[in-house]
C-alpha atoms as a PDB file:
ATOM      1  CA  MET A   1      26.898  16.134 -12.157  1.00  0.00           C
ATOM      2  CA  ASP A   2      23.264  14.243 -12.413  1.00  0.00           C
ATOM      3  CA  SER A   3      24.819  10.698 -13.056  1.00  0.00           C
ATOM      4  CA  GLN A   4      27.686  10.974 -10.018  1.00  0.00           C
ATOM      5  CA  VAL A   5      26.996   9.814  -6.654  1.00  0.00           C
ATOM      6  CA  ALA A   6      27.173  12.481  -3.872  1.00  0.00           C
ATOM      7  CA  ARG A   7      27.793  11.119  -1.018  1.00  0.00           C
ATOM      8  CA  ASP A   8      27.863  13.251   2.240  1.00  0.00           C
ATOM      9  CA  GLY A   9      28.452  10.092   4.877  1.00  0.00           C
ATOM     10  CA  ARG A  10      25.468  10.936   6.834  1.00  0.00           C
ATOM     11  CA  LEU A  11      24.439   7.251   7.102  1.00  0.00           C
ATOM     12  CA  MET A  12      28.047   5.820   7.831  1.00  0.00           C
ATOM     13  CA  GLU A  13      27.053   5.710  11.448  1.00  0.00           C
ATOM     14  CA  LEU A  14      23.929   3.385  10.825  1.00  0.00           C
ATOM     15  CA  VAL A  15      25.767   1.326   8.634  1.00  0.00           C
ATOM     16  CA  ASP A  16      27.790  -1.353  10.422  1.00  0.00           C
ATOM     17  CA  GLU A  17      29.324  -4.960   9.674  1.00  0.00           C
ATOM     18  CA  LYS A  18      26.834  -6.864  12.359  1.00  0.00           C
ATOM     19  CA  TRP A  19      23.797  -4.591  10.430  1.00  0.00           C
ATOM     20  CA  ARG A  20      25.281  -5.988   7.437  1.00  0.00           C
ATOM     21  CA  ASP A  21      25.545  -9.571   8.294  1.00  0.00           C
ATOM     22  CA  ASP A  22      22.218  -9.641  10.144  1.00  0.00           C
ATOM     23  CA  LYS A  23      19.738 -11.684   8.121  1.00  0.00           C
ATOM     24  CA  LEU A  24      15.552 -12.002   8.115  1.00  0.00           C
ATOM     25  CA  PRO A  25      14.068 -15.128   9.074  1.00  0.00           C
ATOM     26  CA  MET A  26      13.229 -17.780   6.602  1.00  0.00           C
ATOM     27  CA  GLU A  27       9.773 -18.679   8.528  1.00  0.00           C
ATOM     28  CA  GLU A  28       6.407 -17.581   6.663  1.00  0.00           C
ATOM     29  CA  VAL A  29       5.108 -14.189   8.523  1.00  0.00           C
ATOM     30  CA  ALA A  30       0.973 -14.189   9.409  1.00  0.00           C
ATOM     31  CA  VAL A  31      -0.073 -10.966   6.837  1.00  0.00           C
ATOM     32  CA  PRO A  32      -3.655 -10.104   7.582  1.00  0.00           C
ATOM     33  CA  GLN A  33      -6.187 -10.416   4.565  1.00  0.00           C
ATOM     34  CA  MET A  34      -6.536  -6.885   4.119  1.00  0.00           C
ATOM     35  CA  GLU A  35      -2.503  -5.814   3.697  1.00  0.00           C
ATOM     36  CA  LEU A  36      -2.479  -8.402   0.928  1.00  0.00           C
ATOM     37  CA  PRO A  37      -2.998  -7.712  -2.795  1.00  0.00           C
ATOM     38  CA  GLU A  38      -5.973  -8.394  -4.717  1.00  0.00           C
ATOM     39  CA  ILE A  39      -5.733 -12.311  -5.550  1.00  0.00           C
ATOM     40  CA  GLU A  40      -7.963 -12.197  -8.809  1.00  0.00           C
ATOM     41  CA  PRO A  41      -6.658 -10.465 -11.441  1.00  0.00           C
ATOM     42  CA  ASP A  42      -9.533 -10.028 -13.587  1.00  0.00           C
ATOM     43  CA  ASN A  43      -9.534  -6.590 -13.132  1.00  0.00           C
ATOM     44  CA  GLY A  44      -6.264  -6.004 -14.349  1.00  0.00           C
ATOM     45  CA  PRO A  45      -3.098  -5.892 -12.585  1.00  0.00           C
ATOM     46  CA  THR A  46      -3.223  -3.965  -9.264  1.00  0.00           C
ATOM     47  CA  ASN A  47      -0.493  -3.689  -6.535  1.00  0.00           C
ATOM     48  CA  GLU A  48      -3.039  -2.145  -3.980  1.00  0.00           C
ATOM     49  CA  THR A  49      -4.218  -3.818  -0.881  1.00  0.00           C
ATOM     50  CA  LEU A  50      -7.812  -4.732  -0.132  1.00  0.00           C
ATOM     51  CA  LYS A  51      -7.745  -2.091   2.587  1.00  0.00           C
ATOM     52  CA  GLU A  52      -6.095   0.666  -0.011  1.00  0.00           C
ATOM     53  CA  GLN A  53      -8.862  -0.217  -2.783  1.00  0.00           C
ATOM     54  CA  GLU A  54     -11.699   0.247   0.115  1.00  0.00           C
ATOM     55  CA  GLN A  55     -10.233   4.044   1.313  1.00  0.00           C
ATOM     56  CA  LYS A  56     -10.522   4.983  -2.892  1.00  0.00           C
ATOM     57  CA  TRP A  57     -14.341   4.194  -2.312  1.00  0.00           C
ATOM     58  CA  SER A  58     -14.585   6.067   1.296  1.00  0.00           C
ATOM     59  CA  ASP A  59     -12.537   8.760  -0.207  1.00  0.00           C
ATOM     60  CA  LEU A  60     -14.610   9.143  -2.982  1.00  0.00           C
ATOM     61  CA  ALA A  61     -17.645   8.924  -0.593  1.00  0.00           C
ATOM     62  CA  LEU A  62     -19.552   6.182  -3.198  1.00  0.00           C
ATOM     63  CA  SER A  63     -20.382   4.528  -0.405  1.00  0.00           C
ATOM     64  CA  ALA A  64     -23.149   7.722   0.506  1.00  0.00           C
ATOM     65  CA  LEU A  65     -24.789   6.903  -2.859  1.00  0.00           C
ATOM     66  CA  HIS A  66     -25.340   3.478  -1.814  1.00  0.00           C
ATOM     67  CA  ASP A  67     -26.522   4.098   1.707  1.00  0.00           C
ATOM     68  CA  GLN A  68     -29.447   7.223   0.734  1.00  0.00           C
ATOM     69  CA  PRO A  69     -32.810   6.408  -1.065  1.00  0.00           C
ATOM     70  CA  PRO A  70     -33.198   8.204  -4.458  1.00  0.00           C
ATOM     71  CA  THR A  71     -34.964  11.565  -4.381  1.00  0.00           C
ATOM     72  CA  THR A  72     -37.459  12.061  -6.621  1.00  0.00           C
ATOM     73  CA  ALA A  73     -39.437  15.358  -7.917  1.00  0.00           C
ATOM     74  CA  ASN A  74     -42.830  15.388  -7.795  1.00  0.00           C
ATOM     75  CA  HIS A  75     -44.555  17.661 -10.334  1.00  0.00           C
END
C-alpha cells in the first residue's frame, strides 16, 4: 500500500481552473540580504540564510563568550 496514492479529495475544493492557470510575475523580487543564502562557498555548501546562521550562534549563546572578560583565579 505504500506505493499507492491515497486520495481523499480534501484539496479538490482549493484547486480550480483559475488557480491552475495563475502564473507568478517574471519581475525580480527584492529579497533582504539577511534572507539570502551565503554566497561565499568557502565554508562548504550551505542552504542556510545569514539570519539562520546568526540564530545558531545566539542559540548556542556563543556571543556571550565574547562579551564576558576572562576570569582568572589568583592563588
